[in-house]
């Protein structure tokens, strides 16, 4: 995951080759944050017994920039799924014509 963190840091304006200690620190912070969010989402979902995307959205509902970005990414993901599905159907039709 270090390479990914390093690329993200560069994308946000850091040096192309940051210190390994800095990359490790950022990676630790990210892992801690994600782990904490998953545990909180599990607590929210415990009554239902199933962890859903909406549980994470519920946790970030007061942080509007994060909520808007997550909603945007989920919407784009759904659009991509639909586009892939349409492409697969077209591809199957072409194969059956030949």
PDB file of N, CA and C in Angstrom:
ATOM      1  N   UNK A   1       0.822  -1.184   0.000  1.00  0.00           N
ATOM      2  CA  UNK A   1       0.000   0.000   0.000  1.00  0.00           C
ATOM      3  C   UNK A   1       0.876   1.262   0.000  1.00  0.00           C
ATOM      4  N   UNK A   2       2.128   1.097   0.312  1.00  0.00           N
ATOM      5  CA  UNK A   2       3.015   2.270   0.379  1.00  0.00           C
ATOM      6  C   UNK A   2       3.101   3.012  -0.945  1.00  0.00           C
ATOM      7  N   UNK A   3       3.165   2.271  -2.052  1.00  0.00           N
ATOM      8  CA  UNK A   3       3.240   2.918  -3.365  1.00  0.00           C
ATOM      9  C   UNK A   3       2.001   3.748  -3.645  1.00  0.00           C
ATOM     10  N   UNK A   4       0.851   3.226  -3.270  1.00  0.00           N
ATOM     11  CA  UNK A   4      -0.405   3.956  -3.465  1.00  0.00           C
ATOM     12  C   UNK A   4      -0.419   5.225  -2.635  1.00  0.00           C
ATOM     13  N   UNK A   5      -0.014   5.114  -1.376  1.00  0.00           N
ATOM     14  CA  UNK A   5       0.019   6.286  -0.491  1.00  0.00           C
ATOM     15  C   UNK A   5       0.999   7.317  -1.037  1.00  0.00           C
ATOM     16  N   UNK A   6       2.120   6.863  -1.507  1.00  0.00           N
ATOM     17  CA  UNK A   6       3.130   7.762  -2.064  1.00  0.00           C
ATOM     18  C   UNK A   6       2.575   8.504  -3.278  1.00  0.00           C
ATOM     19  N   UNK A   7       1.865   7.803  -4.151  1.00  0.00           N
ATOM     20  CA  UNK A   7       1.277   8.455  -5.323  1.00  0.00           C
ATOM     21  C   UNK A   7       0.190   9.448  -4.921  1.00  0.00           C
ATOM     22  N   UNK A   8      -0.596   9.092  -3.918  1.00  0.00           N
ATOM     23  CA  UNK A   8      -1.638  10.009  -3.445  1.00  0.00           C
ATOM     24  C   UNK A   8      -1.015  11.262  -2.837  1.00  0.00           C
ATOM     25  N   UNK A   9       0.048  11.081  -2.079  1.00  0.00           N
ATOM     26  CA  UNK A   9       0.724  12.232  -1.479  1.00  0.00           C
ATOM     27  C   UNK A   9       1.239  13.155  -2.573  1.00  0.00           C
ATOM     28  N   UNK A  10       1.818  12.580  -3.609  1.00  0.00           N
ATOM     29  CA  UNK A  10       2.324  13.389  -4.717  1.00  0.00           C
ATOM     30  C   UNK A  10       1.172  14.110  -5.418  1.00  0.00           C
ATOM     31  N   UNK A  11       0.050  13.416  -5.579  1.00  0.00           N
ATOM     32  CA  UNK A  11      -1.122  14.017  -6.199  1.00  0.00           C
ATOM     33  C   UNK A  11      -1.670  15.193  -5.415  1.00  0.00           C
ATOM     34  N   UNK A  12      -1.439  15.188  -4.109  1.00  0.00           N
ATOM     35  CA  UNK A  12      -1.895  16.289  -3.263  1.00  0.00           C
ATOM     36  C   UNK A  12      -0.808  17.333  -3.030  1.00  0.00           C
ATOM     37  N   UNK A  13       0.282  17.244  -3.804  1.00  0.00           N
ATOM     38  CA  UNK A  13       1.275  18.301  -3.776  1.00  0.00           C
ATOM     39  C   UNK A  13       2.568  17.992  -3.042  1.00  0.00           C
ATOM     40  N   UNK A  14       2.743  16.777  -2.566  1.00  0.00           N
ATOM     41  CA  UNK A  14       3.979  16.430  -1.876  1.00  0.00           C
ATOM     42  C   UNK A  14       5.080  16.140  -2.902  1.00  0.00           C
ATOM     43  N   UNK A  15       6.254  15.903  -2.411  1.00  0.00           N
ATOM     44  CA  UNK A  15       7.410  15.564  -3.229  1.00  0.00           C
ATOM     45  C   UNK A  15       7.164  14.225  -3.939  1.00  0.00           C
ATOM     46  N   UNK A  16       7.680  14.059  -5.166  1.00  0.00           N
ATOM     47  CA  UNK A  16       7.492  12.778  -5.860  1.00  0.00           C
ATOM     48  C   UNK A  16       8.089  11.592  -5.095  1.00  0.00           C
ATOM     49  N   UNK A  17       9.120  11.841  -4.324  1.00  0.00           N
ATOM     50  CA  UNK A  17       9.760  10.794  -3.524  1.00  0.00           C
ATOM     51  C   UNK A  17       9.820  11.221  -2.064  1.00  0.00           C
ATOM     52  N   UNK A  18       8.702  11.123  -1.332  1.00  0.00           N
ATOM     53  CA  UNK A  18       8.708  11.547   0.072  1.00  0.00           C
ATOM     54  C   UNK A  18       9.517  10.580   0.928  1.00  0.00           C
ATOM     55  N   UNK A  19       9.866  11.034   2.093  1.00  0.00           N
ATOM     56  CA  UNK A  19      10.605  10.186   3.020  1.00  0.00           C
ATOM     57  C   UNK A  19       9.798   8.939   3.360  1.00  0.00           C
ATOM     58  N   UNK A  20      10.458   7.789   3.449  1.00  0.00           N
ATOM     59  CA  UNK A  20       9.735   6.550   3.799  1.00  0.00           C
ATOM     60  C   UNK A  20       9.007   6.653   5.133  1.00  0.00           C
ATOM     61  N   UNK A  21       9.598   7.386   6.078  1.00  0.00           N
ATOM     62  CA  UNK A  21       8.964   7.554   7.387  1.00  0.00           C
ATOM     63  C   UNK A  21       7.637   8.306   7.255  1.00  0.00           C
ATOM     64  N   UNK A  22       7.598   9.290   6.356  1.00  0.00           N
ATOM     65  CA  UNK A  22       6.383  10.060   6.138  1.00  0.00           C
ATOM     66  C   UNK A  22       5.307   9.192   5.509  1.00  0.00           C
ATOM     67  N   UNK A  23       5.688   8.399   4.525  1.00  0.00           N
ATOM     68  CA  UNK A  23       4.734   7.498   3.868  1.00  0.00           C
ATOM     69  C   UNK A  23       4.179   6.503   4.887  1.00  0.00           C
ATOM     70  N   UNK A  24       5.032   5.954   5.721  1.00  0.00           N
ATOM     71  CA  UNK A  24       4.607   5.002   6.743  1.00  0.00           C
ATOM     72  C   UNK A  24       3.649   5.653   7.728  1.00  0.00           C
ATOM     73  N   UNK A  25       3.954   6.884   8.142  1.00  0.00           N
ATOM     74  CA  UNK A  25       3.082   7.605   9.074  1.00  0.00           C
ATOM     75  C   UNK A  25       1.708   7.847   8.457  1.00  0.00           C
ATOM     76  N   UNK A  26       1.669   8.327   7.223  1.00  0.00           N
ATOM     77  CA  UNK A  26       0.394   8.580   6.544  1.00  0.00           C
ATOM     78  C   UNK A  26      -0.377   7.272   6.381  1.00  0.00           C
ATOM     79  N   UNK A  27       0.317   6.210   6.015  1.00  0.00           N
ATOM     80  CA  UNK A  27      -0.333   4.910   5.862  1.00  0.00           C
ATOM     81  C   UNK A  27      -0.949   4.455   7.186  1.00  0.00           C
ATOM     82  N   UNK A  28      -0.216   4.625   8.292  1.00  0.00           N
ATOM     83  CA  UNK A  28      -0.743   4.262   9.605  1.00  0.00           C
ATOM     84  C   UNK A  28      -1.988   5.069   9.951  1.00  0.00           C
ATOM     85  N   UNK A  29      -1.971   6.355   9.645  1.00  0.00           N
ATOM     86  CA  UNK A  29      -3.127   7.217   9.918  1.00  0.00           C
ATOM     87  C   UNK A  29      -4.330   6.766   9.102  1.00  0.00           C
ATOM     88  N   UNK A  30      -4.109   6.465   7.820  1.00  0.00           N
ATOM     89  CA  UNK A  30      -5.199   6.029   6.942  1.00  0.00           C
ATOM     90  C   UNK A  30      -5.777   4.699   7.420  1.00  0.00           C
ATOM     91  N   UNK A  31      -4.920   3.759   7.744  1.00  0.00           N
ATOM     92  CA  UNK A  31      -5.384   2.445   8.210  1.00  0.00           C
ATOM     93  C   UNK A  31      -6.174   2.604   9.512  1.00  0.00           C
ATOM     94  N   UNK A  32      -5.694   3.433  10.415  1.00  0.00           N
ATOM     95  CA  UNK A  32      -6.401   3.666  11.680  1.00  0.00           C
ATOM     96  C   UNK A  32      -7.774   4.289  11.427  1.00  0.00           C
ATOM     97  N   UNK A  33      -7.844   5.266  10.520  1.00  0.00           N
ATOM     98  CA  UNK A  33      -9.103   5.930  10.205  1.00  0.00           C
ATOM     99  C   UNK A  33     -10.103   4.947   9.598  1.00  0.00           C
ATOM    100  N   UNK A  34      -9.648   4.162   8.620  1.00  0.00           N
ATOM    101  CA  UNK A  34     -10.538   3.208   7.947  1.00  0.00           C
ATOM    102  C   UNK A  34     -11.020   2.145   8.941  1.00  0.00           C
ATOM    103  N   UNK A  35     -10.120   1.647   9.762  1.00  0.00           N
ATOM    104  CA  UNK A  35     -10.491   0.647  10.764  1.00  0.00           C
ATOM    105  C   UNK A  35     -11.531   1.207  11.723  1.00  0.00           C
ATOM    106  N   UNK A  36     -11.321   2.437  12.180  1.00  0.00           N
ATOM    107  CA  UNK A  36     -12.272   3.084  13.085  1.00  0.00           C
ATOM    108  C   UNK A  36     -13.638   3.254  12.421  1.00  0.00           C
ATOM    109  N   UNK A  37     -13.638   3.678  11.163  1.00  0.00           N
ATOM    110  CA  UNK A  37     -14.900   3.856  10.441  1.00  0.00           C
ATOM    111  C   UNK A  37     -15.637   2.525  10.272  1.00  0.00           C
ATOM    112  N   UNK A  38     -14.917   1.462   9.975  1.00  0.00           N
ATOM    113  CA  UNK A  38     -15.546   0.153   9.804  1.00  0.00           C
ATOM    114  C   UNK A  38     -16.143  -0.324  11.129  1.00  0.00           C
ATOM    115  N   UNK A  39     -15.427  -0.132  12.220  1.00  0.00           N
ATOM    116  CA  UNK A  39     -15.961  -0.535  13.526  1.00  0.00           C
ATOM    117  C   UNK A  39     -17.218   0.259  13.878  1.00  0.00           C
ATOM    118  N   UNK A  40     -17.195   1.559  13.622  1.00  0.00           N
ATOM    119  CA  UNK A  40     -18.382   2.379  13.890  1.00  0.00           C
ATOM    120  C   UNK A  40     -19.548   1.965  13.001  1.00  0.00           C
ATOM    121  N   UNK A  41     -19.269   1.688  11.743  1.00  0.00           N
ATOM    122  CA  UNK A  41     -20.318   1.256  10.824  1.00  0.00           C
ATOM    123  C   UNK A  41     -20.891  -0.101  11.250  1.00  0.00           C
ATOM    124  N   UNK A  42     -20.040  -0.979  11.748  1.00  0.00           N
ATOM    125  CA  UNK A  42     -20.516  -2.267  12.250  1.00  0.00           C
ATOM    126  C   UNK A  42     -21.426  -2.075  13.451  1.00  0.00           C
ATOM    127  N   UNK A  43     -21.085  -1.118  14.309  1.00  0.00           N
ATOM    128  CA  UNK A  43     -21.939  -0.822  15.462  1.00  0.00           C
ATOM    129  C   UNK A  43     -23.301  -0.326  15.005  1.00  0.00           C
ATOM    130  N   UNK A  44     -23.312   0.541  13.996  1.00  0.00           N
ATOM    131  CA  UNK A  44     -24.569   1.057  13.459  1.00  0.00           C
ATOM    132  C   UNK A  44     -25.382  -0.080  12.831  1.00  0.00           C
ATOM    133  N   UNK A  45     -24.716  -0.981  12.166  1.00  0.00           N
ATOM    134  CA  UNK A  45     -25.394  -2.058  11.441  1.00  0.00           C
ATOM    135  C   UNK A  45     -25.704  -3.271  12.307  1.00  0.00           C
ATOM    136  N   UNK A  46     -25.249  -3.278  13.542  1.00  0.00           N
ATOM    137  CA  UNK A  46     -25.388  -4.477  14.371  1.00  0.00           C
ATOM    138  C   UNK A  46     -26.838  -4.894  14.574  1.00  0.00           C
ATOM    139  N   UNK A  47     -27.759  -3.947  14.633  1.00  0.00           N
ATOM    140  CA  UNK A  47     -29.174  -4.287  14.816  1.00  0.00           C
ATOM    141  C   UNK A  47     -29.717  -5.032  13.599  1.00  0.00           C
ATOM    142  N   UNK A  48     -29.253  -4.644  12.433  1.00  0.00           N
ATOM    143  CA  UNK A  48     -29.712  -5.230  11.189  1.00  0.00           C
ATOM    144  C   UNK A  48     -28.939  -6.518  10.881  1.00  0.00           C
ATOM    145  N   UNK A  49     -27.696  -6.568  11.313  1.00  0.00           N
ATOM    146  CA  UNK A  49     -26.885  -7.756  11.086  1.00  0.00           C
ATOM    147  C   UNK A  49     -26.138  -7.761   9.765  1.00  0.00           C
ATOM    148  N   UNK A  50     -26.262  -6.682   9.004  1.00  0.00           N
ATOM    149  CA  UNK A  50     -25.608  -6.634   7.696  1.00  0.00           C
ATOM    150  C   UNK A  50     -25.032  -5.234   7.491  1.00  0.00           C
ATOM    151  N   UNK A  51     -23.771  -5.164   7.108  1.00  0.00           N
ATOM    152  CA  UNK A  51     -23.100  -3.888   6.867  1.00  0.00           C
ATOM    153  C   UNK A  51     -23.417  -3.403   5.453  1.00  0.00           C
ATOM    154  N   UNK A  52     -23.952  -2.176   5.366  1.00  0.00           N
ATOM    155  CA  UNK A  52     -24.326  -1.605   4.080  1.00  0.00           C
ATOM    156  C   UNK A  52     -23.588  -0.291   3.835  1.00  0.00           C
ATOM    157  N   UNK A  53     -23.577   0.115   2.581  1.00  0.00           N
ATOM    158  CA  UNK A  53     -22.966   1.391   2.205  1.00  0.00           C
ATOM    159  C   UNK A  53     -23.607   2.544   2.975  1.00  0.00           C
ATOM    160  N   UNK A  54     -24.916   2.446   3.184  1.00  0.00           N
ATOM    161  CA  UNK A  54     -25.652   3.501   3.881  1.00  0.00           C
ATOM    162  C   UNK A  54     -25.152   3.708   5.310  1.00  0.00           C
ATOM    163  N   UNK A  55     -24.586   2.673   5.917  1.00  0.00           N
ATOM    164  CA  UNK A  55     -24.038   2.808   7.270  1.00  0.00           C
ATOM    165  C   UNK A  55     -22.855   3.772   7.282  1.00  0.00           C
ATOM    166  N   UNK A  56     -22.039   3.704   6.244  1.00  0.00           N
ATOM    167  CA  UNK A  56     -20.908   4.630   6.142  1.00  0.00           C
ATOM    168  C   UNK A  56     -21.391   6.041   5.831  1.00  0.00           C
ATOM    169  N   UNK A  57     -22.376   6.148   4.956  1.00  0.00           N
ATOM    170  CA  UNK A  57     -22.936   7.464   4.644  1.00  0.00           C
ATOM    171  C   UNK A  57     -23.555   8.093   5.883  1.00  0.00           C
ATOM    172  N   UNK A  58     -24.177   7.288   6.716  1.00  0.00           N
ATOM    173  CA  UNK A  58     -24.748   7.780   7.962  1.00  0.00           C
ATOM    174  C   UNK A  58     -23.665   8.367   8.866  1.00  0.00           C
ATOM    175  N   UNK A  59     -22.520   7.704   8.918  1.00  0.00           N
ATOM    176  CA  UNK A  59     -21.431   8.166   9.783  1.00  0.00           C
ATOM    177  C   UNK A  59     -20.840   9.497   9.328  1.00  0.00           C
ATOM    178  N   UNK A  60     -20.845   9.757   8.042  1.00  0.00           N
ATOM    179  CA  UNK A  60     -20.234  10.989   7.529  1.00  0.00           C
ATOM    180  C   UNK A  60     -21.273  12.044   7.162  1.00  0.00           C
ATOM    181  N   UNK A  61     -22.515  11.843   7.592  1.00  0.00           N
ATOM    182  CA  UNK A  61     -23.609  12.736   7.196  1.00  0.00           C
ATOM    183  C   UNK A  61     -23.389  14.193   7.584  1.00  0.00           C
ATOM    184  N   UNK A  62     -22.616  14.447   8.628  1.00  0.00           N
ATOM    185  CA  UNK A  62     -22.388  15.825   9.074  1.00  0.00           C
ATOM    186  C   UNK A  62     -21.176  16.470   8.399  1.00  0.00           C
ATOM    187  N   UNK A  63     -20.387  15.680   7.706  1.00  0.00           N
ATOM    188  CA  UNK A  63     -19.228  16.193   6.968  1.00  0.00           C
ATOM    189  C   UNK A  63     -19.631  16.293   5.496  1.00  0.00           C
ATOM    190  N   UNK A  64     -20.230  17.415   5.127  1.00  0.00           N
ATOM    191  CA  UNK A  64     -20.823  17.555   3.794  1.00  0.00           C
ATOM    192  C   UNK A  64     -19.855  17.340   2.637  1.00  0.00           C
ATOM    193  N   UNK A  65     -18.616  17.847   2.689  1.00  0.00           N
ATOM    194  CA  UNK A  65     -17.715  17.560   1.563  1.00  0.00           C
ATOM    195  C   UNK A  65     -17.478  16.056   1.359  1.00  0.00           C
ATOM    196  N   UNK A  66     -17.278  15.313   2.451  1.00  0.00           N
ATOM    197  CA  UNK A  66     -17.082  13.867   2.336  1.00  0.00           C
ATOM    198  C   UNK A  66     -18.350  13.182   1.848  1.00  0.00           C
ATOM    199  N   UNK A  67     -19.480  13.596   2.390  1.00  0.00           N
ATOM    200  CA  UNK A  67     -20.753  12.996   2.001  1.00  0.00           C
ATOM    201  C   UNK A  67     -21.033  13.240   0.517  1.00  0.00           C
ATOM    202  N   UNK A  68     -20.821  14.461   0.069  1.00  0.00           N
ATOM    203  CA  UNK A  68     -21.050  14.776  -1.349  1.00  0.00           C
ATOM    204  C   UNK A  68     -20.111  13.994  -2.255  1.00  0.00           C
ATOM    205  N   UNK A  69     -18.854  13.882  -1.858  1.00  0.00           N
ATOM    206  CA  UNK A  69     -17.885  13.144  -2.678  1.00  0.00           C
ATOM    207  C   UNK A  69     -18.238  11.658  -2.725  1.00  0.00           C
ATOM    208  N   UNK A  70     -18.611  11.098  -1.588  1.00  0.00           N
ATOM    209  CA  UNK A  70     -18.993   9.683  -1.560  1.00  0.00           C
ATOM    210  C   UNK A  70     -20.230   9.435  -2.410  1.00  0.00           C
ATOM    211  N   UNK A  71     -21.208  10.328  -2.315  1.00  0.00           N
ATOM    212  CA  UNK A  71     -22.411  10.193  -3.118  1.00  0.00           C
ATOM    213  C   UNK A  71     -22.083  10.277  -4.605  1.00  0.00           C
ATOM    214  N   UNK A  72     -21.195  11.200  -4.956  1.00  0.00           N
ATOM    215  CA  UNK A  72     -20.775  11.343  -6.346  1.00  0.00           C
ATOM    216  C   UNK A  72     -20.071  10.079  -6.846  1.00  0.00           C
ATOM    217  N   UNK A  73     -19.159   9.541  -6.039  1.00  0.00           N
ATOM    218  CA  UNK A  73     -18.430   8.337  -6.440  1.00  0.00           C
ATOM    219  C   UNK A  73     -19.355   7.130  -6.549  1.00  0.00           C
ATOM    220  N   UNK A  74     -20.314   7.009  -5.643  1.00  0.00           N
ATOM    221  CA  UNK A  74     -21.267   5.907  -5.719  1.00  0.00           C
ATOM    222  C   UNK A  74     -22.134   6.021  -6.970  1.00  0.00           C
ATOM    223  N   UNK A  75     -22.514   7.224  -7.303  1.00  0.00           N
ATOM    224  CA  UNK A  75     -23.312   7.459  -8.508  1.00  0.00           C
ATOM    225  C   UNK A  75     -22.504   7.105  -9.761  1.00  0.00           C
ATOM    226  N   UNK A  76     -21.251   7.552  -9.806  1.00  0.00           N
ATOM    227  CA  UNK A  76     -20.399   7.230 -10.959  1.00  0.00           C
ATOM    228  C   UNK A  76     -20.172   5.726 -11.060  1.00  0.00           C
ATOM    229  N   UNK A  77     -20.019   5.060  -9.918  1.00  0.00           N
ATOM    230  CA  UNK A  77     -19.831   3.610  -9.913  1.00  0.00           C
ATOM    231  C   UNK A  77     -21.053   2.913 -10.509  1.00  0.00           C
ATOM    232  N   UNK A  78     -22.239   3.386 -10.147  1.00  0.00           N
ATOM    233  CA  UNK A  78     -23.469   2.805 -10.690  1.00  0.00           C
ATOM    234  C   UNK A  78     -23.564   3.031 -12.199  1.00  0.00           C
ATOM    235  N   UNK A  79     -23.197   4.227 -12.650  1.00  0.00           N
ATOM    236  CA  UNK A  79     -23.198   4.519 -14.090  1.00  0.00           C
ATOM    237  C   UNK A  79     -22.227   3.601 -14.835  1.00  0.00           C
ATOM    238  N   UNK A  80     -21.048   3.384 -14.251  1.00  0.00           N
ATOM    239  CA  UNK A  80     -20.069   2.487 -14.881  1.00  0.00           C
ATOM    240  C   UNK A  80     -20.587   1.053 -14.957  1.00  0.00           C
ATOM    241  N   UNK A  81     -21.258   0.604 -13.896  1.00  0.00           N
ATOM    242  CA  UNK A  81     -21.837  -0.743 -13.917  1.00  0.00           C
ATOM    243  C   UNK A  81     -22.849  -0.876 -15.044  1.00  0.00           C
ATOM    244  N   UNK A  82     -23.707   0.144 -15.179  1.00  0.00           N
ATOM    245  CA  UNK A  82     -24.721   0.106 -16.229  1.00  0.00           C
ATOM    246  C   UNK A  82     -24.072   0.112 -17.617  1.00  0.00           C
ATOM    247  N   UNK A  83     -23.025   0.922 -17.786  1.00  0.00           N
ATOM    248  CA  UNK A  83     -22.338   0.986 -19.077  1.00  0.00           C
ATOM    249  C   UNK A  83     -21.672  -0.345 -19.407  1.00  0.00           C
ATOM    250  N   UNK A  84     -21.042  -0.968 -18.418  1.00  0.00           N
ATOM    251  CA  UNK A  84     -20.417  -2.277 -18.645  1.00  0.00           C
ATOM    252  C   UNK A  84     -21.464  -3.323 -19.016  1.00  0.00           C
ATOM    253  N   UNK A  85     -22.591  -3.267 -18.303  1.00  0.00           N
ATOM    254  CA  UNK A  85     -23.664  -4.220 -18.571  1.00  0.00           C
ATOM    255  C   UNK A  85     -24.190  -4.053 -19.996  1.00  0.00           C
ATOM    256  N   UNK A  86     -24.385  -2.820 -20.420  1.00  0.00           N
ATOM    257  CA  UNK A  86     -24.858  -2.562 -21.779  1.00  0.00           C
ATOM    258  C   UNK A  86     -23.835  -3.023 -22.806  1.00  0.00           C
ATOM    259  N   UNK A  87     -22.562  -2.814 -22.531  1.00  0.00           N
ATOM    260  CA  UNK A  87     -21.504  -3.229 -23.440  1.00  0.00           C
ATOM    261  C   UNK A  87     -21.451  -4.745 -23.559  1.00  0.00           C
ATOM    262  N   UNK A  88     -21.607  -5.445 -22.438  1.00  0.00           N
ATOM    263  CA  UNK A  88     -21.579  -6.908 -22.452  1.00  0.00           C
ATOM    264  C   UNK A  88     -22.734  -7.461 -23.277  1.00  0.00           C
ATOM    265  N   UNK A  89     -23.907  -6.851 -23.157  1.00  0.00           N
ATOM    266  CA  UNK A  89     -25.061  -7.304 -23.932  1.00  0.00           C
ATOM    267  C   UNK A  89     -24.805  -7.099 -25.413  1.00  0.00           C
ATOM    268  N   UNK A  90     -24.288  -5.930 -25.795  1.00  0.00           N
ATOM    269  CA  UNK A  90     -23.977  -5.657 -27.196  1.00  0.00           C
ATOM    270  C   UNK A  90     -22.941  -6.642 -27.728  1.00  0.00           C
ATOM    271  N   UNK A  91     -21.962  -6.948 -26.915  1.00  0.00           N
ATOM    272  CA  UNK A  91     -20.909  -7.876 -27.325  1.00  0.00           C
ATOM    273  C   UNK A  91     -21.483  -9.272 -27.554  1.00  0.00           C
ATOM    274  N   UNK A  92     -22.419  -9.700 -26.688  1.00  0.00           N
ATOM    275  CA  UNK A  92     -23.044 -11.007 -26.842  1.00  0.00           C
ATOM    276  C   UNK A  92     -23.881 -11.058 -28.118  1.00  0.00           C
ATOM    277  N   UNK A  93     -24.583  -9.974 -28.439  1.00  0.00           N
ATOM    278  CA  UNK A  93     -25.386  -9.916 -29.660  1.00  0.00           C
ATOM    279  C   UNK A  93     -24.491 -10.019 -30.890  1.00  0.00           C
ATOM    280  N   UNK A  94     -23.353  -9.330 -30.857  1.00  0.00           N
ATOM    281  CA  UNK A  94     -22.431  -9.391 -31.996  1.00  0.00           C
ATOM    282  C   UNK A  94     -21.874 -10.800 -32.180  1.00  0.00           C
ATOM    283  N   UNK A  95     -21.595 -11.478 -31.093  1.00  0.00           N
ATOM    284  CA  UNK A  95     -21.040 -12.833 -31.164  1.00  0.00           C
ATOM    285  C   UNK A  95     -22.078 -13.795 -31.732  1.00  0.00           C
ATOM    286  N   UNK A  96     -23.348 -13.595 -31.394  1.00  0.00           N
ATOM    287  CA  UNK A  96     -24.388 -14.501 -31.880  1.00  0.00           C
ATOM    288  C   UNK A  96     -24.712 -14.270 -33.357  1.00  0.00           C
ATOM    289  N   UNK A  97     -24.462 -13.063 -33.859  1.00  0.00           N
ATOM    290  CA  UNK A  97     -24.708 -12.737 -35.264  1.00  0.00           C
ATOM    291  C   UNK A  97     -23.681 -13.445 -36.148  1.00  0.00           C
ATOM    292  N   UNK A  98     -22.450 -13.532 -35.680  1.00  0.00           N
ATOM    293  CA  UNK A  98     -21.374 -14.154 -36.473  1.00  0.00           C
ATOM    294  C   UNK A  98     -21.623 -15.613 -36.524  1.00  0.00           C
TER     295      UNK A  98
END
